[in-house]
Amino acid sequence: MEPYKDKNWLHTHYVKKRMKTEDIAQLLADQYDIQTTHQTIYNWCKKYNLLRHRGKGRTLNKGAGGVKRTRVKSPRQKRMEEMKRRSKKNPKKRR
């Protein structure tokens, strides 16, 4: 079986080593003498649902604990949160 069809091999190279599909295709050509396109590698990553792991990098290991990531907030989100905080401090009296 070709290495890129193995889920563990593909996970190691695409997710953990963060290689591009083009680089994986080149690696296969150089080391394994397998000619394939980057689209083929992409399709196998999609089949194994590895595309969703991209961008998370090293925190995927089970023992890593993961670092809490905060989302970057837009100016509108910041204003809305500030308005909520102010309304909690000074609730309006209803008539």
Protein backbone atom coordinates (compact mmCIF):
# COMPACT_ATOMS: atom_id res chain seq x y z
CA MET A 1 0.00 0.00 0.00
CA GLU A 2 1.24 3.48 -0.81
CA PRO A 3 2.25 5.54 2.25
CA TYR A 4 -0.12 8.40 1.48
CA LYS A 5 -3.06 5.99 1.74
CA ASP A 6 -2.09 5.15 5.31
CA LYS A 7 -3.94 7.40 7.75
CA ASN A 8 -1.18 7.42 10.38
CA TRP A 9 1.54 8.25 7.86
CA LEU A 10 -0.53 11.02 6.35
CA HIS A 11 -1.46 12.39 9.79
CA THR A 12 2.20 12.49 10.78
CA HIS A 13 3.27 14.40 7.68
CA TYR A 14 0.27 16.64 7.06
CA VAL A 15 -0.78 17.51 10.61
CA LYS A 16 2.16 16.96 12.95
CA LYS A 17 4.96 17.98 10.59
CA ARG A 18 2.66 20.58 8.97
CA MET A 19 3.82 19.75 5.45
CA LYS A 20 1.99 21.13 2.43
CA THR A 21 0.34 18.70 0.06
CA GLU A 22 2.81 19.78 -2.63
CA ASP A 23 5.73 18.93 -0.32
CA ILE A 24 4.24 15.54 0.52
CA ALA A 25 3.84 14.77 -3.19
CA GLN A 26 7.49 15.76 -3.74
CA LEU A 27 8.60 13.60 -0.80
CA LEU A 28 6.77 10.63 -2.27
CA ALA A 29 8.47 11.20 -5.63
CA ASP A 30 11.93 11.55 -4.09
CA GLN A 31 11.93 8.87 -1.39
CA TYR A 32 9.35 6.34 -2.51
CA ASP A 33 9.46 6.81 -6.29
CA ILE A 34 5.68 7.35 -6.34
CA GLN A 35 4.40 9.92 -8.81
CA THR A 36 1.25 11.61 -7.54
CA THR A 37 -0.27 15.06 -7.52
CA HIS A 38 -0.89 17.30 -4.55
CA GLN A 39 -4.61 17.02 -5.33
CA THR A 40 -4.42 13.28 -4.66
CA ILE A 41 -2.83 13.96 -1.28
CA TYR A 42 -5.50 16.56 -0.55
CA ASN A 43 -8.25 14.07 -1.42
CA TRP A 44 -6.82 11.47 0.97
CA CYS A 45 -6.52 14.09 3.72
CA LYS A 46 -10.13 14.99 3.13
CA LYS A 47 -11.15 11.32 3.19
CA TYR A 48 -9.45 10.83 6.57
CA ASN A 49 -10.88 14.12 7.89
CA LEU A 50 -7.40 15.58 8.47
CA LEU A 51 -8.20 18.99 6.98
CA ARG A 52 -9.93 20.13 10.17
CA HIS A 53 -6.72 19.61 12.17
CA ARG A 54 -4.71 22.00 10.09
CA GLY A 55 -3.63 25.14 11.92
CA LYS A 56 -3.76 23.62 15.37
CA GLY A 57 -0.22 22.36 15.17
CA ARG A 58 1.53 20.87 18.15
CA THR A 59 -1.40 20.95 20.60
CA LEU A 60 -2.94 17.89 18.95
CA ASN A 61 -0.86 15.46 21.00
CA LYS A 62 -2.86 13.74 23.73
CA GLY A 63 -0.57 14.75 26.60
CA ALA A 64 0.02 18.31 25.45
CA GLY A 65 -2.76 19.81 27.54
CA GLY A 66 -3.46 22.35 24.86
CA VAL A 67 -3.16 26.06 25.27
CA LYS A 68 -6.34 28.05 25.61
CA ARG A 69 -6.64 30.23 22.57
CA THR A 70 -8.54 33.44 22.61
CA ARG A 71 -10.28 34.62 19.51
CA VAL A 72 -9.41 37.96 18.06
CA LYS A 73 -12.42 40.15 18.54
CA SER A 74 -13.67 42.67 16.08
CA PRO A 75 -14.21 46.28 17.21
CA ARG A 76 -17.95 45.67 17.09
CA GLN A 77 -17.67 42.67 19.39
CA LYS A 78 -15.60 44.72 21.83
CA ARG A 79 -18.20 47.50 21.85
CA MET A 80 -21.04 45.04 22.42
CA GLU A 81 -19.23 43.44 25.36
CA GLU A 82 -18.52 46.86 26.86
CA MET A 83 -22.19 47.79 26.54
CA LYS A 84 -23.21 44.56 28.27
CA ARG A 85 -20.79 45.21 31.14
CA ARG A 86 -22.09 48.75 31.57
CA SER A 87 -25.72 47.63 31.52
CA LYS A 88 -24.98 45.09 34.26
CA LYS A 89 -23.36 47.73 36.46
CA ASN A 90 -26.11 50.31 35.91
CA PRO A 91 -29.38 48.52 35.18
CA LYS A 92 -32.07 50.81 33.80
CA LYS A 93 -35.18 51.25 35.91
CA ARG A 94 -38.36 50.42 34.08
CA ARG A 95 -41.40 52.66 34.42
